[in-house]
Amino acid sequence: MLEEAGRAPDAAVVTAVSKTHGAERIRPLLEAGHRIFGENRVQEAAAKWPALKADYPDIELHLVGPLQSNKAKEAVALFDVIETVDRPKIARALAAEMDRQERTPRLFIQVNTGEEDQKAGIAPDEADAFIAQCREEFGLVIEGLMCIPPMGDDPAPHFALLAKIAARNRLTALSMGMSGDYAVAVRLGATHVRIGTAIFGERAQAGA
C-alpha cells in the first residue's frame, strides 16, 4: 500500500489501539513482535500497561484520547507519545510535569479539522498560533499533528488540511487514519495510522 502511494515501506507505522481490550488480547500482538499501541483513557491504560511494559520494555505507548489537565502527571509518567495536546491549559500542565519528572514523551497537537463542537482539538485557524505558543511559551517540542475527521465525511480533505498545517509549521509527523480510512491517510502522508477494530475486532462493551 505504501509503495502504491509512492512512499517507502517504512514511511508509516501502525498504532494498535487497544482501548477496552484487556492484557489477554494484547499479549498475542506483543508475542508476534508488535510494540506500538494506543489507549484512549489514562485510567484504563494505568490499570493494564505497567505490567505489560515490565515484560516488554520496548513498548511505545500512545495516548490517543482526550487528556484532562488533572491527568497530566499520570500521562507523562505512563505514555511515550501524547497525541492529543489541544489547548494551552494542557500544554502548560504537560510542560510542568515533564520538567518535574524529567521525562519527555513525544507530543502531537490534535486539530479539530471538522470544527465539531463535541470533539477535542484546536480549531484549524488557531493551530499555527497554538503551535507557536507551545514552542515559545511552554518550551515544548512538538513532533506532529493528529486529527479525527467527522464520521460520515470524506476524510481526504481533512487529511489534506492536516498535512498543509503541518508543512507550514515544519512538522513531519502526521497521525491520521483509522480502520476505515487508513489507506486514504497513507496516500495523503500519514506517518502513523491508528488501527483498533481491524486488529482487535469490535470493542468490548462496558459491563459486558
N, C-alpha and C. Protein backbone atom coordinates (compact mmCIF):
# COMPACT_ATOMS: atom_id res chain seq x y z
N MET A 1 0.83 -1.21 0.00
CA MET A 1 0.00 0.00 0.00
C MET A 1 0.86 1.26 0.00
N LEU A 2 1.93 1.27 0.82
CA LEU A 2 2.81 2.43 0.84
C LEU A 2 3.52 2.60 -0.50
N GLU A 3 3.95 1.46 -1.07
CA GLU A 3 4.61 1.53 -2.36
C GLU A 3 3.67 2.08 -3.43
N GLU A 4 2.38 1.68 -3.36
CA GLU A 4 1.40 2.16 -4.32
C GLU A 4 1.21 3.68 -4.21
N ALA A 5 1.41 4.19 -3.00
CA ALA A 5 1.28 5.63 -2.78
C ALA A 5 2.58 6.37 -3.07
N GLY A 6 3.60 5.63 -3.56
CA GLY A 6 4.87 6.25 -3.87
C GLY A 6 5.70 6.56 -2.65
N ARG A 7 5.50 5.80 -1.57
CA ARG A 7 6.20 6.06 -0.32
C ARG A 7 7.02 4.84 0.08
N ALA A 8 8.02 5.05 0.92
CA ALA A 8 8.87 3.96 1.38
C ALA A 8 8.05 3.01 2.25
N PRO A 9 8.42 1.72 2.27
CA PRO A 9 7.66 0.73 3.04
C PRO A 9 7.57 1.05 4.54
N ASP A 10 8.56 1.78 5.06
CA ASP A 10 8.56 2.10 6.49
C ASP A 10 8.12 3.53 6.76
N ALA A 11 7.42 4.15 5.81
CA ALA A 11 7.04 5.56 5.95
C ALA A 11 5.92 5.77 6.97
N ALA A 12 5.12 4.74 7.22
CA ALA A 12 4.03 4.86 8.19
C ALA A 12 4.05 3.66 9.13
N VAL A 13 3.75 3.90 10.39
CA VAL A 13 3.70 2.84 11.38
C VAL A 13 2.27 2.68 11.88
N VAL A 14 1.96 1.47 12.33
CA VAL A 14 0.63 1.16 12.85
C VAL A 14 0.63 1.28 14.36
N THR A 15 -0.25 2.12 14.88
CA THR A 15 -0.50 2.17 16.32
C THR A 15 -1.73 1.31 16.58
N ALA A 16 -1.54 0.20 17.26
CA ALA A 16 -2.64 -0.72 17.55
C ALA A 16 -3.42 -0.18 18.74
N VAL A 17 -4.65 0.28 18.48
CA VAL A 17 -5.44 0.93 19.53
C VAL A 17 -6.19 -0.14 20.32
N SER A 18 -5.76 -0.30 21.56
CA SER A 18 -6.22 -1.42 22.39
C SER A 18 -7.23 -1.01 23.45
N LYS A 19 -7.86 0.15 23.29
CA LYS A 19 -8.83 0.61 24.28
C LYS A 19 -9.94 -0.42 24.45
N THR A 20 -10.34 -0.65 25.69
CA THR A 20 -11.36 -1.60 26.15
C THR A 20 -10.93 -3.06 26.03
N HIS A 21 -9.76 -3.33 25.48
CA HIS A 21 -9.29 -4.70 25.37
C HIS A 21 -8.26 -4.98 26.46
N GLY A 22 -8.41 -6.11 27.11
CA GLY A 22 -7.53 -6.47 28.22
C GLY A 22 -6.19 -7.01 27.78
N ALA A 23 -5.34 -7.25 28.78
CA ALA A 23 -3.98 -7.72 28.50
C ALA A 23 -3.98 -9.04 27.75
N GLU A 24 -5.00 -9.88 27.97
CA GLU A 24 -5.03 -11.17 27.30
C GLU A 24 -5.21 -11.03 25.79
N ARG A 25 -5.79 -9.91 25.34
CA ARG A 25 -5.93 -9.66 23.90
C ARG A 25 -4.68 -8.99 23.33
N ILE A 26 -3.95 -8.30 24.20
CA ILE A 26 -2.78 -7.54 23.76
C ILE A 26 -1.54 -8.42 23.66
N ARG A 27 -1.41 -9.36 24.57
CA ARG A 27 -0.18 -10.18 24.63
C ARG A 27 0.14 -10.92 23.33
N PRO A 28 -0.86 -11.47 22.61
CA PRO A 28 -0.52 -12.14 21.36
C PRO A 28 0.17 -11.21 20.35
N LEU A 29 -0.23 -9.93 20.32
CA LEU A 29 0.44 -8.99 19.42
C LEU A 29 1.86 -8.73 19.88
N LEU A 30 2.04 -8.61 21.19
CA LEU A 30 3.39 -8.41 21.72
C LEU A 30 4.27 -9.61 21.40
N GLU A 31 3.72 -10.80 21.55
CA GLU A 31 4.49 -12.01 21.27
C GLU A 31 4.83 -12.11 19.78
N ALA A 32 3.99 -11.52 18.94
CA ALA A 32 4.25 -11.52 17.50
C ALA A 32 5.24 -10.43 17.09
N GLY A 33 5.59 -9.55 18.02
CA GLY A 33 6.60 -8.54 17.75
C GLY A 33 6.12 -7.11 17.64
N HIS A 34 4.79 -6.89 17.71
CA HIS A 34 4.30 -5.51 17.60
C HIS A 34 4.57 -4.77 18.91
N ARG A 35 4.94 -3.50 18.81
CA ARG A 35 5.32 -2.76 20.01
C ARG A 35 4.65 -1.40 20.15
N ILE A 36 3.90 -0.93 19.17
CA ILE A 36 3.31 0.41 19.24
C ILE A 36 1.82 0.29 19.47
N PHE A 37 1.35 0.82 20.58
CA PHE A 37 -0.05 0.68 20.99
C PHE A 37 -0.63 2.04 21.39
N GLY A 38 -1.95 2.15 21.30
CA GLY A 38 -2.63 3.38 21.67
C GLY A 38 -3.76 3.11 22.64
N GLU A 39 -3.95 4.04 23.56
CA GLU A 39 -5.05 3.97 24.52
C GLU A 39 -5.77 5.31 24.56
N ASN A 40 -7.07 5.25 24.87
CA ASN A 40 -7.88 6.46 24.90
C ASN A 40 -7.94 7.12 26.27
N ARG A 41 -7.82 6.32 27.32
CA ARG A 41 -8.02 6.87 28.66
C ARG A 41 -6.82 6.57 29.55
N VAL A 42 -6.38 7.58 30.29
CA VAL A 42 -5.24 7.43 31.18
C VAL A 42 -5.52 6.35 32.23
N GLN A 43 -6.71 6.40 32.83
CA GLN A 43 -7.03 5.47 33.92
C GLN A 43 -7.01 4.02 33.44
N GLU A 44 -7.59 3.77 32.28
CA GLU A 44 -7.60 2.41 31.75
C GLU A 44 -6.19 1.95 31.43
N ALA A 45 -5.39 2.82 30.83
CA ALA A 45 -4.02 2.45 30.49
C ALA A 45 -3.19 2.16 31.74
N ALA A 46 -3.41 2.95 32.79
CA ALA A 46 -2.64 2.76 34.02
C ALA A 46 -2.94 1.42 34.68
N ALA A 47 -4.12 0.87 34.40
CA ALA A 47 -4.51 -0.40 35.02
C ALA A 47 -3.87 -1.60 34.34
N LYS A 48 -3.52 -1.48 33.06
CA LYS A 48 -3.04 -2.68 32.36
C LYS A 48 -1.64 -2.58 31.77
N TRP A 49 -1.13 -1.38 31.51
CA TRP A 49 0.12 -1.29 30.79
C TRP A 49 1.39 -1.39 31.61
N PRO A 50 1.45 -0.95 32.88
CA PRO A 50 2.71 -1.10 33.63
C PRO A 50 3.21 -2.54 33.67
N ALA A 51 2.33 -3.50 33.86
CA ALA A 51 2.77 -4.90 33.90
C ALA A 51 3.25 -5.36 32.53
N LEU A 52 2.56 -4.93 31.48
CA LEU A 52 2.98 -5.30 30.13
C LEU A 52 4.33 -4.66 29.78
N LYS A 53 4.51 -3.42 30.21
CA LYS A 53 5.78 -2.74 29.94
C LYS A 53 6.93 -3.39 30.70
N ALA A 54 6.62 -3.94 31.87
CA ALA A 54 7.67 -4.63 32.63
C ALA A 54 8.17 -5.85 31.87
N ASP A 55 7.24 -6.53 31.18
CA ASP A 55 7.61 -7.73 30.41
C ASP A 55 8.20 -7.38 29.05
N TYR A 56 7.76 -6.24 28.50
CA TYR A 56 8.22 -5.81 27.16
C TYR A 56 8.66 -4.35 27.25
N PRO A 57 9.88 -4.11 27.70
CA PRO A 57 10.32 -2.73 27.97
C PRO A 57 10.37 -1.82 26.75
N ASP A 58 10.36 -2.41 25.54
CA ASP A 58 10.46 -1.58 24.34
C ASP A 58 9.10 -1.17 23.77
N ILE A 59 8.03 -1.38 24.55
CA ILE A 59 6.70 -0.90 24.13
C ILE A 59 6.73 0.62 23.98
N GLU A 60 6.02 1.11 22.96
CA GLU A 60 5.81 2.55 22.77
C GLU A 60 4.31 2.80 22.91
N LEU A 61 3.92 3.46 23.98
CA LEU A 61 2.50 3.64 24.29
C LEU A 61 2.06 5.06 23.97
N HIS A 62 1.00 5.17 23.16
CA HIS A 62 0.47 6.47 22.72
C HIS A 62 -0.86 6.76 23.42
N LEU A 63 -1.03 7.98 23.89
CA LEU A 63 -2.35 8.45 24.34
C LEU A 63 -3.04 9.06 23.13
N VAL A 64 -4.16 8.47 22.72
CA VAL A 64 -4.87 8.94 21.52
C VAL A 64 -6.26 9.47 21.86
N GLY A 65 -6.59 9.55 23.15
CA GLY A 65 -7.87 10.10 23.58
C GLY A 65 -7.66 11.41 24.31
N PRO A 66 -8.74 12.14 24.59
CA PRO A 66 -8.64 13.45 25.24
C PRO A 66 -7.93 13.38 26.58
N LEU A 67 -7.17 14.41 26.88
CA LEU A 67 -6.43 14.49 28.14
C LEU A 67 -6.94 15.65 28.97
N GLN A 68 -7.22 15.36 30.24
CA GLN A 68 -7.59 16.41 31.18
C GLN A 68 -6.35 16.86 31.93
N SER A 69 -6.30 18.13 32.29
CA SER A 69 -5.09 18.65 32.93
C SER A 69 -4.77 17.96 34.24
N ASN A 70 -5.81 17.48 34.95
CA ASN A 70 -5.54 16.80 36.22
C ASN A 70 -4.98 15.39 36.04
N LYS A 71 -4.89 14.93 34.78
CA LYS A 71 -4.29 13.63 34.49
C LYS A 71 -2.90 13.78 33.86
N ALA A 72 -2.40 15.01 33.79
CA ALA A 72 -1.11 15.24 33.14
C ALA A 72 0.02 14.49 33.84
N LYS A 73 0.01 14.46 35.16
CA LYS A 73 1.06 13.76 35.90
C LYS A 73 1.12 12.30 35.51
N GLU A 74 -0.03 11.62 35.52
CA GLU A 74 -0.07 10.21 35.16
C GLU A 74 0.28 10.00 33.69
N ALA A 75 -0.19 10.89 32.84
CA ALA A 75 0.07 10.74 31.41
C ALA A 75 1.56 10.84 31.10
N VAL A 76 2.23 11.79 31.68
CA VAL A 76 3.67 11.94 31.45
C VAL A 76 4.44 10.73 31.96
N ALA A 77 4.00 10.18 33.08
CA ALA A 77 4.69 9.03 33.66
C ALA A 77 4.50 7.76 32.83
N LEU A 78 3.35 7.61 32.20
CA LEU A 78 2.99 6.35 31.56
C LEU A 78 3.21 6.32 30.05
N PHE A 79 2.88 7.40 29.37
CA PHE A 79 2.86 7.38 27.91
C PHE A 79 4.19 7.84 27.32
N ASP A 80 4.53 7.25 26.19
CA ASP A 80 5.72 7.63 25.45
C ASP A 80 5.41 8.70 24.40
N VAL A 81 4.17 8.73 23.96
CA VAL A 81 3.71 9.72 22.98
C VAL A 81 2.32 10.19 23.41
N ILE A 82 2.11 11.49 23.45
CA ILE A 82 0.79 12.07 23.76
C ILE A 82 0.33 12.80 22.51
N GLU A 83 -0.73 12.29 21.89
CA GLU A 83 -1.17 12.80 20.58
C GLU A 83 -2.27 13.85 20.67
N THR A 84 -2.73 14.18 21.87
CA THR A 84 -3.96 14.96 22.00
C THR A 84 -3.77 16.27 22.76
N VAL A 85 -2.64 16.91 22.56
CA VAL A 85 -2.44 18.25 23.11
C VAL A 85 -3.31 19.20 22.31
N ASP A 86 -4.21 19.92 22.98
CA ASP A 86 -5.18 20.70 22.20
C ASP A 86 -5.56 22.05 22.78
N ARG A 87 -4.93 22.46 23.89
CA ARG A 87 -5.25 23.76 24.45
C ARG A 87 -4.13 24.19 25.40
N PRO A 88 -4.02 25.49 25.66
CA PRO A 88 -2.92 25.98 26.49
C PRO A 88 -2.87 25.36 27.88
N LYS A 89 -4.02 25.12 28.50
CA LYS A 89 -4.03 24.55 29.85
C LYS A 89 -3.34 23.19 29.87
N ILE A 90 -3.59 22.38 28.86
CA ILE A 90 -2.95 21.06 28.77
C ILE A 90 -1.46 21.22 28.50
N ALA A 91 -1.11 22.09 27.57
CA ALA A 91 0.30 22.30 27.24
C ALA A 91 1.08 22.77 28.46
N ARG A 92 0.51 23.67 29.23
CA ARG A 92 1.17 24.19 30.42
C ARG A 92 1.35 23.08 31.46
N ALA A 93 0.32 22.28 31.65
CA ALA A 93 0.40 21.19 32.63
C ALA A 93 1.43 20.14 32.22
N LEU A 94 1.47 19.83 30.94
CA LEU A 94 2.45 18.85 30.46
C LEU A 94 3.87 19.37 30.61
N ALA A 95 4.07 20.65 30.28
CA ALA A 95 5.41 21.23 30.40
C ALA A 95 5.89 21.16 31.85
N ALA A 96 5.00 21.47 32.80
CA ALA A 96 5.38 21.43 34.21
C ALA A 96 5.72 20.01 34.66
N GLU A 97 4.90 19.05 34.23
CA GLU A 97 5.14 17.67 34.63
C GLU A 97 6.38 17.08 33.97
N MET A 98 6.62 17.42 32.73
CA MET A 98 7.81 16.92 32.05
C MET A 98 9.07 17.45 32.72
N ASP A 99 9.02 18.70 33.15
CA ASP A 99 10.15 19.27 33.87
C ASP A 99 10.33 18.61 35.23
N ARG A 100 9.21 18.38 35.92
CA ARG A 100 9.28 17.80 37.26
C ARG A 100 9.75 16.35 37.22
N GLN A 101 9.23 15.59 36.26
CA GLN A 101 9.55 14.16 36.19
C GLN A 101 10.82 13.88 35.39
N GLU A 102 11.34 14.90 34.69
CA GLU A 102 12.48 14.72 33.81
C GLU A 102 12.21 13.60 32.81
N ARG A 103 11.01 13.64 32.28
CA ARG A 103 10.59 12.66 31.27
C ARG A 103 9.95 13.43 30.12
N THR A 104 10.26 13.06 28.90
CA THR A 104 9.81 13.86 27.75
C THR A 104 9.08 13.00 26.72
N PRO A 105 7.82 12.67 26.99
CA PRO A 105 7.05 11.99 25.94
C PRO A 105 6.97 12.88 24.71
N ARG A 106 6.94 12.25 23.55
CA ARG A 106 6.80 12.99 22.29
C ARG A 106 5.37 13.53 22.20
N LEU A 107 5.22 14.70 21.60
CA LEU A 107 3.94 15.39 21.62
C LEU A 107 3.41 15.68 20.22
N PHE A 108 2.11 15.41 20.05
CA PHE A 108 1.37 15.79 18.85
C PHE A 108 0.26 16.75 19.28
N ILE A 109 -0.10 17.66 18.40
CA ILE A 109 -1.25 18.53 18.64
C ILE A 109 -2.44 17.99 17.87
N GLN A 110 -3.57 17.87 18.56
CA GLN A 110 -4.79 17.41 17.89
C GLN A 110 -5.51 18.61 17.28
N VAL A 111 -5.82 18.50 15.99
CA VAL A 111 -6.54 19.55 15.27
C VAL A 111 -7.94 19.06 14.96
N ASN A 112 -8.92 19.84 15.33
CA ASN A 112 -10.33 19.52 15.08
C ASN A 112 -10.68 20.00 13.67
N THR A 113 -10.28 19.20 12.69
CA THR A 113 -10.41 19.64 11.30
C THR A 113 -11.85 19.87 10.86
N GLY A 114 -12.79 19.17 11.51
CA GLY A 114 -14.20 19.35 11.18
C GLY A 114 -14.88 20.42 12.03
N GLU A 115 -14.12 21.02 12.95
CA GLU A 115 -14.63 22.05 13.86
C GLU A 115 -15.94 21.61 14.51
N GLU A 116 -15.93 20.38 15.02
CA GLU A 116 -17.10 19.82 15.69
C GLU A 116 -17.11 20.25 17.16
N ASP A 117 -18.24 20.76 17.62
CA ASP A 117 -18.33 21.27 18.99
C ASP A 117 -18.06 20.19 20.02
N GLN A 118 -18.47 18.95 19.74
CA GLN A 118 -18.36 17.89 20.73
C GLN A 118 -16.99 17.20 20.72
N LYS A 119 -16.12 17.59 19.82
CA LYS A 119 -14.85 16.88 19.65
C LYS A 119 -13.69 17.74 20.13
N ALA A 120 -12.69 17.09 20.73
CA ALA A 120 -11.49 17.78 21.18
C ALA A 120 -10.66 18.21 19.99
N GLY A 121 -9.73 19.11 20.24
CA GLY A 121 -8.81 19.56 19.20
C GLY A 121 -8.86 21.06 19.00
N ILE A 122 -7.74 21.62 18.63
CA ILE A 122 -7.66 23.05 18.34
C ILE A 122 -8.27 23.31 16.97
N ALA A 123 -8.94 24.42 16.81
CA ALA A 123 -9.52 24.76 15.50
C ALA A 123 -8.41 24.98 14.48
N PRO A 124 -8.65 24.62 13.23
CA PRO A 124 -7.60 24.77 12.20
C PRO A 124 -7.03 26.18 12.10
N ASP A 125 -7.91 27.19 12.21
CA ASP A 125 -7.41 28.56 12.05
C ASP A 125 -6.68 29.08 13.30
N GLU A 126 -6.67 28.28 14.36
CA GLU A 126 -5.93 28.64 15.57
C GLU A 126 -4.68 27.79 15.75
N ALA A 127 -4.49 26.84 14.85
CA ALA A 127 -3.41 25.86 15.03
C ALA A 127 -2.02 26.49 14.97
N ASP A 128 -1.79 27.37 14.01
CA ASP A 128 -0.46 27.97 13.87
C ASP A 128 -0.06 28.71 15.15
N ALA A 129 -0.97 29.50 15.68
CA ALA A 129 -0.67 30.28 16.88
C ALA A 129 -0.45 29.36 18.07
N PHE A 130 -1.23 28.28 18.16
CA PHE A 130 -1.07 27.36 19.28
C PHE A 130 0.26 26.60 19.19
N ILE A 131 0.64 26.18 18.01
CA ILE A 131 1.93 25.52 17.84
C ILE A 131 3.06 26.45 18.28
N ALA A 132 2.97 27.70 17.85
CA ALA A 132 3.99 28.68 18.24
C ALA A 132 4.00 28.88 19.76
N GLN A 133 2.82 28.95 20.37
CA GLN A 133 2.75 29.13 21.82
C GLN A 133 3.38 27.94 22.54
N CYS A 134 3.08 26.73 22.07
CA CYS A 134 3.67 25.54 22.70
C CYS A 134 5.19 25.59 22.64
N ARG A 135 5.71 26.02 21.52
CA ARG A 135 7.16 26.08 21.35
C ARG A 135 7.80 27.22 22.14
N GLU A 136 7.20 28.40 22.02
CA GLU A 136 7.86 29.60 22.54
C GLU A 136 7.54 29.88 24.01
N GLU A 137 6.28 29.69 24.40
CA GLU A 137 5.90 30.00 25.78
C GLU A 137 6.14 28.82 26.71
N PHE A 138 5.81 27.60 26.24
CA PHE A 138 5.92 26.44 27.12
C PHE A 138 7.18 25.62 26.90
N GLY A 139 7.94 25.94 25.87
CA GLY A 139 9.19 25.24 25.63
C GLY A 139 9.03 23.79 25.23
N LEU A 140 7.91 23.47 24.59
CA LEU A 140 7.63 22.09 24.20
C LEU A 140 8.14 21.81 22.78
N VAL A 141 8.61 20.61 22.59
CA VAL A 141 8.98 20.14 21.26
C VAL A 141 7.76 19.42 20.68
N ILE A 142 7.19 19.96 19.64
CA ILE A 142 6.02 19.35 19.00
C ILE A 142 6.50 18.53 17.81
N GLU A 143 6.15 17.25 17.83
CA GLU A 143 6.61 16.36 16.77
C GLU A 143 5.67 16.33 15.57
N GLY A 144 4.36 16.44 15.83
CA GLY A 144 3.43 16.32 14.71
C GLY A 144 2.02 16.72 15.08
N LEU A 145 1.10 16.37 14.19
CA LEU A 145 -0.32 16.69 14.34
C LEU A 145 -1.16 15.43 14.24
N MET A 146 -2.34 15.48 14.83
CA MET A 146 -3.28 14.37 14.80
C MET A 146 -4.67 14.91 14.50
N CYS A 147 -5.49 14.12 13.80
CA CYS A 147 -6.89 14.52 13.60
C CYS A 147 -7.78 13.29 13.52
N ILE A 148 -9.08 13.53 13.76
CA ILE A 148 -10.13 12.52 13.61
C ILE A 148 -11.24 13.17 12.79
N PRO A 149 -11.34 12.86 11.50
CA PRO A 149 -12.38 13.50 10.68
C PRO A 149 -13.79 13.18 11.18
N PRO A 150 -14.75 14.05 10.91
CA PRO A 150 -16.13 13.77 11.31
C PRO A 150 -16.64 12.48 10.67
N MET A 151 -17.39 11.72 11.45
CA MET A 151 -17.96 10.49 10.94
C MET A 151 -18.90 10.81 9.77
N GLY A 152 -18.74 10.09 8.69
CA GLY A 152 -19.58 10.30 7.52
C GLY A 152 -19.00 11.24 6.49
N ASP A 153 -18.01 12.04 6.88
CA ASP A 153 -17.35 12.93 5.92
C ASP A 153 -16.34 12.16 5.07
N ASP A 154 -16.09 12.65 3.88
CA ASP A 154 -14.95 12.20 3.11
C ASP A 154 -13.70 12.60 3.90
N PRO A 155 -12.87 11.64 4.32
CA PRO A 155 -11.73 12.00 5.16
C PRO A 155 -10.62 12.73 4.41
N ALA A 156 -10.56 12.59 3.08
CA ALA A 156 -9.43 13.12 2.33
C ALA A 156 -9.19 14.61 2.55
N PRO A 157 -10.22 15.48 2.48
CA PRO A 157 -9.96 16.91 2.70
C PRO A 157 -9.43 17.20 4.10
N HIS A 158 -9.87 16.42 5.08
CA HIS A 158 -9.39 16.62 6.45
C HIS A 158 -7.92 16.24 6.57
N PHE A 159 -7.54 15.12 5.95
CA PHE A 159 -6.15 14.70 5.98
C PHE A 159 -5.27 15.68 5.21
N ALA A 160 -5.77 16.17 4.10
CA ALA A 160 -5.00 17.15 3.32
C ALA A 160 -4.81 18.45 4.09
N LEU A 161 -5.84 18.87 4.81
CA LEU A 161 -5.74 20.09 5.63
C LEU A 161 -4.71 19.90 6.73
N LEU A 162 -4.72 18.74 7.40
CA LEU A 162 -3.75 18.48 8.47
C LEU A 162 -2.33 18.52 7.91
N ALA A 163 -2.13 17.89 6.75
CA ALA A 163 -0.80 17.89 6.14
C ALA A 163 -0.34 19.30 5.79
N LYS A 164 -1.27 20.13 5.34
CA LYS A 164 -0.93 21.51 4.98
C LYS A 164 -0.50 22.31 6.21
N ILE A 165 -1.25 22.15 7.32
CA ILE A 165 -0.89 22.85 8.56
C ILE A 165 0.48 22.37 9.04
N ALA A 166 0.71 21.06 8.98
CA ALA A 166 2.00 20.51 9.41
C ALA A 166 3.15 21.07 8.59
N ALA A 167 2.97 21.11 7.27
CA ALA A 167 4.05 21.56 6.39
C ALA A 167 4.46 22.99 6.68
N ARG A 168 3.50 23.86 6.89
CA ARG A 168 3.86 25.26 7.09
C ARG A 168 4.43 25.52 8.49
N ASN A 169 4.28 24.53 9.39
CA ASN A 169 4.86 24.65 10.73
C ASN A 169 6.06 23.73 10.92
N ARG A 170 6.58 23.20 9.81
CA ARG A 170 7.79 22.37 9.81
C ARG A 170 7.64 21.14 10.71
N LEU A 171 6.49 20.51 10.61
CA LEU A 171 6.22 19.28 11.36
C LEU A 171 6.16 18.12 10.37
N THR A 172 6.79 17.02 10.71
CA THR A 172 6.89 15.92 9.77
C THR A 172 6.02 14.72 10.12
N ALA A 173 5.47 14.67 11.33
CA ALA A 173 4.69 13.51 11.75
C ALA A 173 3.19 13.81 11.66
N LEU A 174 2.45 12.88 11.08
CA LEU A 174 1.01 13.03 10.92
C LEU A 174 0.32 11.76 11.39
N SER A 175 -0.44 11.86 12.48
CA SER A 175 -1.22 10.73 12.97
C SER A 175 -2.64 10.91 12.46
N MET A 176 -2.97 10.13 11.45
CA MET A 176 -4.31 10.26 10.85
C MET A 176 -4.64 8.96 10.13
N GLY A 177 -5.92 8.62 10.17
CA GLY A 177 -6.37 7.38 9.57
C GLY A 177 -6.61 6.32 10.61
N MET A 178 -7.78 5.67 10.50
CA MET A 178 -8.15 4.58 11.39
C MET A 178 -8.58 3.38 10.54
N SER A 179 -9.24 2.42 11.15
CA SER A 179 -9.52 1.16 10.45
C SER A 179 -10.24 1.38 9.12
N GLY A 180 -11.16 2.34 9.05
CA GLY A 180 -11.96 2.51 7.85
C GLY A 180 -11.37 3.40 6.79
N ASP A 181 -10.32 4.17 7.14
CA ASP A 181 -9.83 5.15 6.16
C ASP A 181 -8.30 5.25 6.12
N TYR A 182 -7.61 4.26 6.67
CA TYR A 182 -6.16 4.38 6.76
C TYR A 182 -5.49 4.41 5.39
N ALA A 183 -6.08 3.75 4.39
CA ALA A 183 -5.48 3.76 3.06
C ALA A 183 -5.45 5.17 2.48
N VAL A 184 -6.53 5.91 2.70
CA VAL A 184 -6.58 7.31 2.25
C VAL A 184 -5.54 8.13 2.99
N ALA A 185 -5.44 7.89 4.31
CA ALA A 185 -4.48 8.64 5.12
C ALA A 185 -3.05 8.40 4.67
N VAL A 186 -2.72 7.16 4.38
CA VAL A 186 -1.36 6.84 3.93
C VAL A 186 -1.07 7.54 2.60
N ARG A 187 -2.05 7.54 1.72
CA ARG A 187 -1.85 8.20 0.42
C ARG A 187 -1.59 9.69 0.59
N LEU A 188 -2.16 10.28 1.66
CA LEU A 188 -2.04 11.72 1.87
C LEU A 188 -0.96 12.10 2.88
N GLY A 189 -0.12 11.12 3.23
CA GLY A 189 1.07 11.47 4.01
C GLY A 189 1.12 11.02 5.45
N ALA A 190 0.19 10.20 5.91
CA ALA A 190 0.21 9.74 7.30
C ALA A 190 1.54 9.06 7.63
N THR A 191 2.06 9.36 8.80
CA THR A 191 3.23 8.64 9.31
C THR A 191 2.83 7.65 10.40
N HIS A 192 1.64 7.87 10.98
CA HIS A 192 1.08 6.97 11.99
C HIS A 192 -0.39 6.75 11.67
N VAL A 193 -0.82 5.51 11.62
CA VAL A 193 -2.25 5.20 11.48
C VAL A 193 -2.69 4.45 12.74
N ARG A 194 -3.88 4.79 13.21
CA ARG A 194 -4.38 4.26 14.48
C ARG A 194 -5.43 3.19 14.18
N ILE A 195 -5.07 1.93 14.34
CA ILE A 195 -5.93 0.83 13.94
C ILE A 195 -6.39 0.06 15.17
N GLY A 196 -7.69 0.03 15.39
CA GLY A 196 -8.25 -0.71 16.51
C GLY A 196 -9.09 -1.88 16.04
N THR A 197 -10.24 -1.58 15.46
CA THR A 197 -11.20 -2.62 15.07
C THR A 197 -10.60 -3.63 14.11
N ALA A 198 -9.82 -3.18 13.14
CA ALA A 198 -9.26 -4.09 12.14
C ALA A 198 -8.25 -5.06 12.75
N ILE A 199 -7.74 -4.75 13.94
CA ILE A 199 -6.79 -5.63 14.62
C ILE A 199 -7.49 -6.45 15.70
N PHE A 200 -8.25 -5.77 16.56
CA PHE A 200 -8.83 -6.43 17.73
C PHE A 200 -10.27 -6.86 17.55
N GLY A 201 -10.93 -6.43 16.47
CA GLY A 201 -12.35 -6.67 16.34
C GLY A 201 -13.13 -5.58 17.04
N GLU A 202 -14.44 -5.75 17.09
CA GLU A 202 -15.29 -4.75 17.73
C GLU A 202 -14.91 -4.57 19.18
N ARG A 203 -15.02 -3.33 19.67
CA ARG A 203 -14.68 -3.04 21.05
C ARG A 203 -15.58 -3.76 22.02
N ALA A 204 -15.01 -4.15 23.15
CA ALA A 204 -15.80 -4.76 24.22
C ALA A 204 -16.76 -3.73 24.78
N GLN A 205 -17.97 -4.15 25.08
CA GLN A 205 -18.96 -3.23 25.62
C GLN A 205 -18.80 -3.10 27.12
N ALA A 206 -18.96 -1.86 27.62
CA ALA A 206 -18.85 -1.63 29.06
C ALA A 206 -19.86 -2.51 29.79
N GLY A 207 -19.35 -3.19 30.81
CA GLY A 207 -20.23 -4.02 31.63
C GLY A 207 -20.49 -5.38 31.06
N ALA A 208 -19.97 -5.64 29.85
CA ALA A 208 -20.20 -6.94 29.21
C ALA A 208 -19.30 -8.01 29.80
